[in-house]
Amino acid sequence: MQDNREEKNKRLPRVLLWLGGIALALLFLLGIANLVAPSAVQRLLVGATSTPSASSTPAPPKAAIVDQTGFSFPSPEFIAQAQAYLEDAGYEVDLYPPEEVTVEFFRTLPDRGYRLILFQSHATSEVLLEGGGDVGQYNPPPGPFLFTTELYDEHRYIGMQIDDQLRASKLFYDDSPRLFALGPKFVRSSMNGLFPDTVIIIGGCQSLAAPDLAQAFLERGASVVIGWDDMVDLMHNNEAMLRLLRGLTVEGLSPQEAVEVTRKEVGPDPTYESVLSYLP
């Protein structure tokens, strides 16, 4: 009995020493692993797998086509080709048909996270009198103004009308209804959010006849605004817009390069002699 107790007493320190050595070795190995790959150690400690989560995959860039002109002059072939160019370049494309192009739509547009927006939209630096008469005398600058498809109602958006953010305007054809059109002050004062380095293309008359509207978009974060310096025929606009998009997508050109190539190959509008331009 005495010999057994003595043997146990001798073995106990050796066991404790052995266990202490193992513990120190484990601490050392964990310390080295934490220096090399701390995130892996943390996943191990919490029981997580080392497989990357699906959320780590970058989301595709988003683009929008805003088809306001479809209200009066539908161009389904143009819309389909524009969408195809963007999707082939990896964009997730949202198409907004005419009935969705309202004042409220424009107000919430910046918060939707688009990297490219094509406004296929009537625009003007002038507002027609309801009963005809001279153009450009009824409403003073600044402009240009982008058309919505929302029918004008003098009892709606009264504050924005008084502040000249919204105007009543008519398209340049007989029997056009009066529609709400929005200008630079609307972009600055009533839109929510920013356009994060967004390329904004305005395929509409006089969209860059004056710099005010483009400048307002730039102040909200857009990287470039492309548009026309005067009136433009819809067919010529569509040809130019598709050449511009092909340059931006298929050919990988910068916005400035794509504009220059479009100017060279498509040329100015044959009737109004307007040319595609950009800011800054």
C-alpha atoms as a PDB file:
ATOM      1  CA  MET A   1       0.000   0.000   0.000  1.00  0.00           C
ATOM      2  CA  GLN A   2       2.811   2.381   0.904  1.00  0.00           C
ATOM      3  CA  ASP A   3       4.648   1.596  -2.350  1.00  0.00           C
ATOM      4  CA  ASN A   4       1.470   2.260  -4.414  1.00  0.00           C
ATOM      5  CA  ARG A   5       0.901   5.645  -2.784  1.00  0.00           C
ATOM      6  CA  GLU A   6       4.509   6.624  -3.380  1.00  0.00           C
ATOM      7  CA  GLU A   7       4.258   5.571  -7.043  1.00  0.00           C
ATOM      8  CA  LYS A   8       1.071   7.598  -7.501  1.00  0.00           C
ATOM      9  CA  ASN A   9       2.668  10.603  -5.848  1.00  0.00           C
ATOM     10  CA  LYS A  10       5.606  10.349  -8.235  1.00  0.00           C
ATOM     11  CA  ARG A  11       3.365  10.019 -11.334  1.00  0.00           C
ATOM     12  CA  LEU A  12       1.052  12.946 -10.483  1.00  0.00           C
ATOM     13  CA  PRO A  13       3.624  15.733 -11.129  1.00  0.00           C
ATOM     14  CA  ARG A  14       4.616  14.055 -14.386  1.00  0.00           C
ATOM     15  CA  VAL A  15       0.995  13.943 -15.543  1.00  0.00           C
ATOM     16  CA  LEU A  16       0.415  17.575 -14.598  1.00  0.00           C
ATOM     17  CA  LEU A  17       3.622  18.571 -16.371  1.00  0.00           C
ATOM     18  CA  TRP A  18       2.560  16.615 -19.458  1.00  0.00           C
ATOM     19  CA  LEU A  19      -0.909  18.189 -19.502  1.00  0.00           C
ATOM     20  CA  GLY A  20       0.587  21.649 -19.013  1.00  0.00           C
ATOM     21  CA  GLY A  21       2.898  21.083 -21.953  1.00  0.00           C
ATOM     22  CA  ILE A  22      -0.007  20.063 -24.174  1.00  0.00           C
ATOM     23  CA  ALA A  23      -1.978  23.152 -23.118  1.00  0.00           C
ATOM     24  CA  LEU A  24       0.964  25.446 -23.857  1.00  0.00           C
ATOM     25  CA  ALA A  25       1.451  23.804 -27.250  1.00  0.00           C
ATOM     26  CA  LEU A  26      -2.219  24.305 -28.137  1.00  0.00           C
ATOM     27  CA  LEU A  27      -2.103  27.941 -27.079  1.00  0.00           C
ATOM     28  CA  PHE A  28       1.036  28.436 -29.150  1.00  0.00           C
ATOM     29  CA  LEU A  29      -0.526  26.840 -32.238  1.00  0.00           C
ATOM     30  CA  LEU A  30      -3.715  28.882 -31.875  1.00  0.00           C
ATOM     31  CA  GLY A  31      -1.682  32.025 -31.506  1.00  0.00           C
ATOM     32  CA  ILE A  32       0.267  31.299 -34.683  1.00  0.00           C
ATOM     33  CA  ALA A  33      -2.949  30.443 -36.561  1.00  0.00           C
ATOM     34  CA  ASN A  34      -4.572  33.647 -35.369  1.00  0.00           C
ATOM     35  CA  LEU A  35      -1.648  35.681 -36.678  1.00  0.00           C
ATOM     36  CA  VAL A  36      -1.783  33.923 -40.030  1.00  0.00           C
ATOM     37  CA  ALA A  37      -5.561  33.697 -40.499  1.00  0.00           C
ATOM     38  CA  PRO A  38      -7.504  35.345 -37.675  1.00  0.00           C
ATOM     39  CA  SER A  39     -10.785  35.191 -39.521  1.00  0.00           C
ATOM     40  CA  ALA A  40     -10.433  31.439 -39.990  1.00  0.00           C
ATOM     41  CA  VAL A  41      -9.797  30.987 -36.254  1.00  0.00           C
ATOM     42  CA  GLN A  42     -12.821  33.080 -35.429  1.00  0.00           C
ATOM     43  CA  ARG A  43     -14.992  30.980 -37.742  1.00  0.00           C
ATOM     44  CA  LEU A  44     -13.610  27.839 -36.115  1.00  0.00           C
ATOM     45  CA  LEU A  45     -14.383  29.126 -32.622  1.00  0.00           C
ATOM     46  CA  VAL A  46     -17.963  30.009 -33.504  1.00  0.00           C
ATOM     47  CA  GLY A  47     -18.502  26.838 -35.527  1.00  0.00           C
ATOM     48  CA  ALA A  48     -18.870  28.623 -38.887  1.00  0.00           C
ATOM     49  CA  THR A  49     -17.884  26.976 -42.146  1.00  0.00           C
ATOM     50  CA  SER A  50     -15.087  28.283 -44.322  1.00  0.00           C
ATOM     51  CA  THR A  51     -17.341  28.441 -47.399  1.00  0.00           C
ATOM     52  CA  PRO A  52     -17.774  32.093 -48.600  1.00  0.00           C
ATOM     53  CA  SER A  53     -21.319  33.379 -48.240  1.00  0.00           C
ATOM     54  CA  ALA A  54     -23.412  34.204 -51.284  1.00  0.00           C
ATOM     55  CA  SER A  55     -23.562  37.834 -50.164  1.00  0.00           C
ATOM     56  CA  SER A  56     -19.825  38.211 -50.874  1.00  0.00           C
ATOM     57  CA  THR A  57     -20.512  38.021 -54.640  1.00  0.00           C
ATOM     58  CA  PRO A  58     -20.668  41.559 -56.090  1.00  0.00           C
ATOM     59  CA  ALA A  59     -24.110  42.544 -57.325  1.00  0.00           C
ATOM     60  CA  PRO A  60     -24.313  43.470 -61.035  1.00  0.00           C
ATOM     61  CA  PRO A  61     -24.563  47.189 -61.861  1.00  0.00           C
ATOM     62  CA  LYS A  62     -28.074  48.479 -62.425  1.00  0.00           C
ATOM     63  CA  ALA A  63     -29.373  50.520 -65.351  1.00  0.00           C
ATOM     64  CA  ALA A  64     -32.763  52.096 -66.033  1.00  0.00           C
ATOM     65  CA  ILE A  65     -34.603  52.938 -69.251  1.00  0.00           C
ATOM     66  CA  VAL A  66     -37.299  55.549 -68.656  1.00  0.00           C
ATOM     67  CA  ASP A  67     -39.656  55.437 -71.623  1.00  0.00           C
ATOM     68  CA  GLN A  68     -41.600  58.704 -71.438  1.00  0.00           C
ATOM     69  CA  THR A  69     -41.809  59.132 -75.230  1.00  0.00           C
ATOM     70  CA  GLY A  70     -43.820  55.917 -75.430  1.00  0.00           C
ATOM     71  CA  PHE A  71     -46.736  58.014 -74.152  1.00  0.00           C
ATOM     72  CA  SER A  72     -47.087  59.613 -77.571  1.00  0.00           C
ATOM     73  CA  PHE A  73     -44.608  57.889 -79.938  1.00  0.00           C
ATOM     74  CA  PRO A  74     -43.871  54.275 -78.929  1.00  0.00           C
ATOM     75  CA  SER A  75     -40.542  52.822 -80.120  1.00  0.00           C
ATOM     76  CA  PRO A  76     -40.558  49.176 -78.972  1.00  0.00           C
ATOM     77  CA  GLU A  77     -37.700  48.123 -81.270  1.00  0.00           C
ATOM     78  CA  PHE A  78     -35.511  50.895 -79.922  1.00  0.00           C
ATOM     79  CA  ILE A  79     -36.300  49.988 -76.307  1.00  0.00           C
ATOM     80  CA  ALA A  80     -35.585  46.290 -76.934  1.00  0.00           C
ATOM     81  CA  GLN A  81     -32.200  47.002 -78.569  1.00  0.00           C
ATOM     82  CA  ALA A  82     -31.162  49.479 -75.857  1.00  0.00           C
ATOM     83  CA  GLN A  83     -32.053  46.922 -73.207  1.00  0.00           C
ATOM     84  CA  ALA A  84     -30.118  44.204 -75.048  1.00  0.00           C
ATOM     85  CA  TYR A  85     -26.943  46.316 -75.225  1.00  0.00           C
ATOM     86  CA  LEU A  86     -27.085  46.999 -71.495  1.00  0.00           C
ATOM     87  CA  GLU A  87     -27.860  43.421 -70.475  1.00  0.00           C
ATOM     88  CA  ASP A  88     -25.088  42.044 -72.703  1.00  0.00           C
ATOM     89  CA  ALA A  89     -22.700  44.378 -70.886  1.00  0.00           C
ATOM     90  CA  GLY A  90     -23.720  42.881 -67.538  1.00  0.00           C
ATOM     91  CA  TYR A  91     -26.264  45.429 -66.363  1.00  0.00           C
ATOM     92  CA  GLU A  92     -29.416  44.496 -64.522  1.00  0.00           C
ATOM     93  CA  VAL A  93     -31.948  46.602 -66.436  1.00  0.00           C
ATOM     94  CA  ASP A  94     -35.200  48.071 -65.151  1.00  0.00           C
ATOM     95  CA  LEU A  95     -37.620  49.346 -67.786  1.00  0.00           C
ATOM     96  CA  TYR A  96     -40.136  52.006 -66.778  1.00  0.00           C
ATOM     97  CA  PRO A  97     -43.085  52.260 -69.201  1.00  0.00           C
ATOM     98  CA  PRO A  98     -44.881  55.575 -69.800  1.00  0.00           C
ATOM     99  CA  GLU A  99     -47.583  55.076 -67.190  1.00  0.00           C
ATOM    100  CA  GLU A 100     -44.953  54.898 -64.422  1.00  0.00           C
ATOM    101  CA  VAL A 101     -43.154  58.132 -65.359  1.00  0.00           C
ATOM    102  CA  THR A 102     -44.812  60.418 -62.810  1.00  0.00           C
ATOM    103  CA  VAL A 103     -43.688  63.221 -60.536  1.00  0.00           C
ATOM    104  CA  GLU A 104     -43.412  60.754 -57.648  1.00  0.00           C
ATOM    105  CA  PHE A 105     -41.289  58.416 -59.775  1.00  0.00           C
ATOM    106  CA  PHE A 106     -38.763  61.179 -60.430  1.00  0.00           C
ATOM    107  CA  ARG A 107     -38.758  62.188 -56.772  1.00  0.00           C
ATOM    108  CA  THR A 108     -37.634  58.723 -55.647  1.00  0.00           C
ATOM    109  CA  LEU A 109     -35.373  57.897 -58.602  1.00  0.00           C
ATOM    110  CA  PRO A 110     -31.945  58.702 -57.067  1.00  0.00           C
ATOM    111  CA  ASP A 111     -32.430  56.212 -54.216  1.00  0.00           C
ATOM    112  CA  ARG A 112     -32.727  53.277 -56.636  1.00  0.00           C
ATOM    113  CA  GLY A 113     -28.980  52.909 -57.142  1.00  0.00           C
ATOM    114  CA  TYR A 114     -28.595  53.088 -60.922  1.00  0.00           C
ATOM    115  CA  ARG A 115     -25.176  53.457 -62.555  1.00  0.00           C
ATOM    116  CA  LEU A 116     -26.679  54.389 -65.928  1.00  0.00           C
ATOM    117  CA  ILE A 117     -30.049  55.990 -66.686  1.00  0.00           C
ATOM    118  CA  LEU A 118     -31.430  56.520 -70.185  1.00  0.00           C
ATOM    119  CA  PHE A 119     -34.266  59.031 -70.244  1.00  0.00           C
ATOM    120  CA  GLN A 120     -36.092  58.347 -73.487  1.00  0.00           C
ATOM    121  CA  SER A 121     -38.054  61.483 -72.822  1.00  0.00           C
ATOM    122  CA  HIS A 122     -39.442  64.623 -74.335  1.00  0.00           C
ATOM    123  CA  ALA A 123     -37.672  67.650 -72.941  1.00  0.00           C
ATOM    124  CA  THR A 124     -37.781  71.358 -73.620  1.00  0.00           C
ATOM    125  CA  SER A 125     -36.271  74.681 -72.685  1.00  0.00           C
ATOM    126  CA  GLU A 126     -39.541  76.308 -73.667  1.00  0.00           C
ATOM    127  CA  VAL A 127     -43.132  75.917 -72.530  1.00  0.00           C
ATOM    128  CA  LEU A 128     -46.010  76.303 -74.943  1.00  0.00           C
ATOM    129  CA  LEU A 129     -48.974  78.460 -74.093  1.00  0.00           C
ATOM    130  CA  GLU A 130     -52.082  76.359 -73.636  1.00  0.00           C
ATOM    131  CA  GLY A 131     -53.883  78.229 -76.416  1.00  0.00           C
ATOM    132  CA  GLY A 132     -50.871  78.545 -78.705  1.00  0.00           C
ATOM    133  CA  GLY A 133     -48.948  81.779 -79.088  1.00  0.00           C
ATOM    134  CA  ASP A 134     -45.259  82.505 -78.803  1.00  0.00           C
ATOM    135  CA  VAL A 135     -42.955  79.923 -77.341  1.00  0.00           C
ATOM    136  CA  GLY A 136     -40.587  80.856 -74.537  1.00  0.00           C
ATOM    137  CA  GLN A 137     -42.456  83.929 -73.301  1.00  0.00           C
ATOM    138  CA  TYR A 138     -44.835  82.286 -70.854  1.00  0.00           C
ATOM    139  CA  ASN A 139     -42.280  80.731 -68.494  1.00  0.00           C
ATOM    140  CA  PRO A 140     -38.857  82.214 -67.812  1.00  0.00           C
ATOM    141  CA  PRO A 141     -35.617  80.215 -67.540  1.00  0.00           C
ATOM    142  CA  PRO A 142     -33.962  78.284 -66.015  1.00  0.00           C
ATOM    143  CA  GLY A 143     -34.565  75.036 -67.839  1.00  0.00           C
ATOM    144  CA  PRO A 144     -34.561  72.622 -69.558  1.00  0.00           C
ATOM    145  CA  PHE A 145     -37.565  70.675 -68.286  1.00  0.00           C
ATOM    146  CA  LEU A 146     -38.178  66.920 -68.487  1.00  0.00           C
ATOM    147  CA  PHE A 147     -41.692  65.743 -69.260  1.00  0.00           C
ATOM    148  CA  THR A 148     -43.580  63.256 -67.136  1.00  0.00           C
ATOM    149  CA  THR A 149     -46.671  61.467 -68.414  1.00  0.00           C
ATOM    150  CA  GLU A 150     -48.730  62.753 -65.479  1.00  0.00           C
ATOM    151  CA  LEU A 151     -51.606  64.965 -66.605  1.00  0.00           C
ATOM    152  CA  TYR A 152     -51.332  68.511 -65.320  1.00  0.00           C
ATOM    153  CA  ASP A 153     -53.580  69.509 -62.437  1.00  0.00           C
ATOM    154  CA  GLU A 154     -53.265  73.035 -61.077  1.00  0.00           C
ATOM    155  CA  HIS A 155     -54.411  71.808 -57.653  1.00  0.00           C
ATOM    156  CA  ARG A 156     -51.587  69.275 -57.251  1.00  0.00           C
ATOM    157  CA  TYR A 157     -48.016  69.941 -56.110  1.00  0.00           C
ATOM    158  CA  ILE A 158     -48.946  73.565 -55.469  1.00  0.00           C
ATOM    159  CA  GLY A 159     -45.780  74.354 -53.521  1.00  0.00           C
ATOM    160  CA  MET A 160     -43.532  72.906 -56.215  1.00  0.00           C
ATOM    161  CA  GLN A 161     -45.418  74.819 -58.888  1.00  0.00           C
ATOM    162  CA  ILE A 162     -45.052  78.088 -56.982  1.00  0.00           C
ATOM    163  CA  ASP A 163     -41.322  77.358 -56.561  1.00  0.00           C
ATOM    164  CA  ASP A 164     -40.990  76.705 -60.325  1.00  0.00           C
ATOM    165  CA  GLN A 165     -39.905  73.112 -59.761  1.00  0.00           C
ATOM    166  CA  LEU A 166     -42.815  71.913 -61.891  1.00  0.00           C
ATOM    167  CA  ARG A 167     -44.532  73.492 -64.870  1.00  0.00           C
ATOM    168  CA  ALA A 168     -47.457  72.711 -67.103  1.00  0.00           C
ATOM    169  CA  SER A 169     -46.233  71.947 -70.586  1.00  0.00           C
ATOM    170  CA  LYS A 170     -47.450  70.573 -73.887  1.00  0.00           C
ATOM    171  CA  LEU A 171     -45.696  68.381 -76.390  1.00  0.00           C
ATOM    172  CA  PHE A 172     -44.929  69.768 -79.812  1.00  0.00           C
ATOM    173  CA  TYR A 173     -47.879  68.334 -81.677  1.00  0.00           C
ATOM    174  CA  ASP A 174     -51.529  69.292 -82.085  1.00  0.00           C
ATOM    175  CA  ASP A 175     -53.970  68.191 -79.401  1.00  0.00           C
ATOM    176  CA  SER A 176     -51.222  67.376 -76.914  1.00  0.00           C
ATOM    177  CA  PRO A 177     -52.543  67.234 -73.348  1.00  0.00           C
ATOM    178  CA  ARG A 178     -50.923  69.368 -70.690  1.00  0.00           C
ATOM    179  CA  LEU A 179     -48.412  67.377 -68.659  1.00  0.00           C
ATOM    180  CA  PHE A 180     -46.283  68.051 -65.621  1.00  0.00           C
ATOM    181  CA  ALA A 181     -42.681  68.811 -66.543  1.00  0.00           C
ATOM    182  CA  LEU A 182     -39.880  69.084 -63.992  1.00  0.00           C
ATOM    183  CA  GLY A 183     -36.825  71.303 -64.046  1.00  0.00           C
ATOM    184  CA  PRO A 184     -33.486  71.914 -62.323  1.00  0.00           C
ATOM    185  CA  LYS A 185     -35.043  73.219 -59.112  1.00  0.00           C
ATOM    186  CA  PHE A 186     -37.012  69.977 -58.755  1.00  0.00           C
ATOM    187  CA  VAL A 187     -33.801  67.922 -59.109  1.00  0.00           C
ATOM    188  CA  ARG A 188     -32.057  70.054 -56.497  1.00  0.00           C
ATOM    189  CA  SER A 189     -34.893  70.431 -54.000  1.00  0.00           C
ATOM    190  CA  SER A 190     -37.331  67.532 -54.255  1.00  0.00           C
ATOM    191  CA  MET A 191     -35.423  64.443 -55.383  1.00  0.00           C
ATOM    192  CA  ASN A 192     -34.413  62.012 -52.627  1.00  0.00           C
ATOM    193  CA  GLY A 193     -30.859  60.677 -52.490  1.00  0.00           C
ATOM    194  CA  LEU A 194     -27.925  60.806 -54.878  1.00  0.00           C
ATOM    195  CA  PHE A 195     -26.935  59.474 -58.295  1.00  0.00           C
ATOM    196  CA  PRO A 196     -23.674  57.646 -57.387  1.00  0.00           C
ATOM    197  CA  ASP A 197     -21.324  58.361 -60.329  1.00  0.00           C
ATOM    198  CA  THR A 198     -24.277  57.715 -62.610  1.00  0.00           C
ATOM    199  CA  VAL A 199     -24.095  58.192 -66.369  1.00  0.00           C
ATOM    200  CA  ILE A 200     -27.280  60.089 -67.273  1.00  0.00           C
ATOM    201  CA  ILE A 201     -28.422  60.166 -70.907  1.00  0.00           C
ATOM    202  CA  ILE A 202     -31.345  62.405 -71.877  1.00  0.00           C
ATOM    203  CA  GLY A 203     -32.635  61.490 -75.308  1.00  0.00           C
ATOM    204  CA  GLY A 204     -34.872  64.512 -75.664  1.00  0.00           C
ATOM    205  CA  CYS A 205     -35.065  67.917 -77.325  1.00  0.00           C
ATOM    206  CA  GLN A 206     -32.969  70.760 -75.892  1.00  0.00           C
ATOM    207  CA  SER A 207     -31.877  68.656 -72.913  1.00  0.00           C
ATOM    208  CA  LEU A 208     -28.494  70.417 -72.994  1.00  0.00           C
ATOM    209  CA  ALA A 209     -29.620  73.630 -74.701  1.00  0.00           C
ATOM    210  CA  ALA A 210     -28.861  75.253 -71.355  1.00  0.00           C
ATOM    211  CA  PRO A 211     -26.620  73.715 -68.674  1.00  0.00           C
ATOM    212  CA  ASP A 212     -28.987  74.121 -65.705  1.00  0.00           C
ATOM    213  CA  LEU A 213     -30.651  70.695 -65.726  1.00  0.00           C
ATOM    214  CA  ALA A 214     -27.409  68.826 -66.367  1.00  0.00           C
ATOM    215  CA  GLN A 215     -25.685  70.805 -63.634  1.00  0.00           C
ATOM    216  CA  ALA A 216     -28.434  69.880 -61.166  1.00  0.00           C
ATOM    217  CA  PHE A 217     -27.912  66.178 -61.915  1.00  0.00           C
ATOM    218  CA  LEU A 218     -24.145  66.594 -61.503  1.00  0.00           C
ATOM    219  CA  GLU A 219     -24.692  68.232 -58.120  1.00  0.00           C
ATOM    220  CA  ARG A 220     -26.616  65.115 -57.086  1.00  0.00           C
ATOM    221  CA  GLY A 221     -23.619  62.909 -57.871  1.00  0.00           C
ATOM    222  CA  ALA A 222     -23.911  62.052 -61.577  1.00  0.00           C
ATOM    223  CA  SER A 223     -20.570  61.640 -63.341  1.00  0.00           C
ATOM    224  CA  VAL A 224     -21.724  62.895 -66.748  1.00  0.00           C
ATOM    225  CA  VAL A 225     -24.938  64.075 -68.433  1.00  0.00           C
ATOM    226  CA  ILE A 226     -25.391  63.529 -72.176  1.00  0.00           C
ATOM    227  CA  GLY A 227     -28.080  65.243 -74.249  1.00  0.00           C
ATOM    228  CA  TRP A 228     -28.992  67.439 -77.226  1.00  0.00           C
ATOM    229  CA  ASP A 229     -28.184  71.110 -77.682  1.00  0.00           C
ATOM    230  CA  ASP A 230     -31.420  71.814 -79.611  1.00  0.00           C
ATOM    231  CA  MET A 231     -34.520  70.166 -81.047  1.00  0.00           C
ATOM    232  CA  VAL A 232     -34.098  66.623 -82.368  1.00  0.00           C
ATOM    233  CA  ASP A 233     -36.262  64.315 -84.456  1.00  0.00           C
ATOM    234  CA  LEU A 234     -37.239  61.107 -82.664  1.00  0.00           C
ATOM    235  CA  MET A 235     -35.838  58.828 -85.377  1.00  0.00           C
ATOM    236  CA  HIS A 236     -32.507  60.633 -85.362  1.00  0.00           C
ATOM    237  CA  ASN A 237     -32.444  60.571 -81.565  1.00  0.00           C
ATOM    238  CA  ASN A 238     -33.057  56.818 -81.514  1.00  0.00           C
ATOM    239  CA  GLU A 239     -30.272  56.141 -84.011  1.00  0.00           C
ATOM    240  CA  ALA A 240     -27.859  58.287 -82.020  1.00  0.00           C
ATOM    241  CA  MET A 241     -28.851  56.789 -78.659  1.00  0.00           C
ATOM    242  CA  LEU A 242     -28.263  53.235 -79.886  1.00  0.00           C
ATOM    243  CA  ARG A 243     -24.866  54.161 -81.327  1.00  0.00           C
ATOM    244  CA  LEU A 244     -23.995  55.850 -78.039  1.00  0.00           C
ATOM    245  CA  LEU A 245     -25.033  52.798 -75.999  1.00  0.00           C
ATOM    246  CA  ARG A 246     -23.088  50.459 -78.283  1.00  0.00           C
ATOM    247  CA  GLY A 247     -20.011  52.579 -77.673  1.00  0.00           C
ATOM    248  CA  LEU A 248     -20.528  52.561 -73.923  1.00  0.00           C
ATOM    249  CA  THR A 249     -21.215  48.812 -73.703  1.00  0.00           C
ATOM    250  CA  VAL A 250     -19.980  46.662 -76.592  1.00  0.00           C
ATOM    251  CA  GLU A 251     -16.949  48.832 -77.357  1.00  0.00           C
ATOM    252  CA  GLY A 252     -16.140  49.825 -73.777  1.00  0.00           C
ATOM    253  CA  LEU A 253     -15.669  53.507 -74.582  1.00  0.00           C
ATOM    254  CA  SER A 254     -15.775  56.286 -72.020  1.00  0.00           C
ATOM    255  CA  PRO A 255     -18.856  58.537 -72.152  1.00  0.00           C
ATOM    256  CA  GLN A 256     -16.847  61.296 -73.821  1.00  0.00           C
ATOM    257  CA  GLU A 257     -15.392  58.909 -76.413  1.00  0.00           C
ATOM    258  CA  ALA A 258     -18.810  57.394 -77.103  1.00  0.00           C
ATOM    259  CA  VAL A 259     -20.290  60.858 -77.700  1.00  0.00           C
ATOM    260  CA  GLU A 260     -17.490  61.766 -80.111  1.00  0.00           C
ATOM    261  CA  VAL A 261     -17.906  58.529 -82.085  1.00  0.00           C
ATOM    262  CA  THR A 262     -21.680  59.069 -82.241  1.00  0.00           C
ATOM    263  CA  ARG A 263     -21.225  62.630 -83.490  1.00  0.00           C
ATOM    264  CA  LYS A 264     -18.861  61.428 -86.192  1.00  0.00           C
ATOM    265  CA  GLU A 265     -20.886  58.444 -87.401  1.00  0.00           C
ATOM    266  CA  VAL A 266     -24.486  59.620 -86.914  1.00  0.00           C
ATOM    267  CA  GLY A 267     -23.947  63.352 -87.363  1.00  0.00           C
ATOM    268  CA  PRO A 268     -26.214  66.257 -86.440  1.00  0.00           C
ATOM    269  CA  ASP A 269     -29.970  66.147 -86.742  1.00  0.00           C
ATOM    270  CA  PRO A 270     -30.730  66.697 -90.473  1.00  0.00           C
ATOM    271  CA  THR A 271     -33.640  69.045 -89.762  1.00  0.00           C
ATOM    272  CA  TYR A 272     -32.629  70.992 -86.654  1.00  0.00           C
ATOM    273  CA  GLU A 273     -28.830  70.573 -86.913  1.00  0.00           C
ATOM    274  CA  SER A 274     -28.655  69.761 -83.204  1.00  0.00           C
ATOM    275  CA  VAL A 275     -25.692  67.748 -81.963  1.00  0.00           C
ATOM    276  CA  LEU A 276     -25.130  65.420 -79.042  1.00  0.00           C
ATOM    277  CA  SER A 277     -23.259  67.056 -76.188  1.00  0.00           C
ATOM    278  CA  TYR A 278     -22.210  66.340 -72.606  1.00  0.00           C
ATOM    279  CA  LEU A 279     -21.312  67.944 -69.285  1.00  0.00           C
ATOM    280  CA  PRO A 280     -18.864  68.282 -67.643  1.00  0.00           C
END
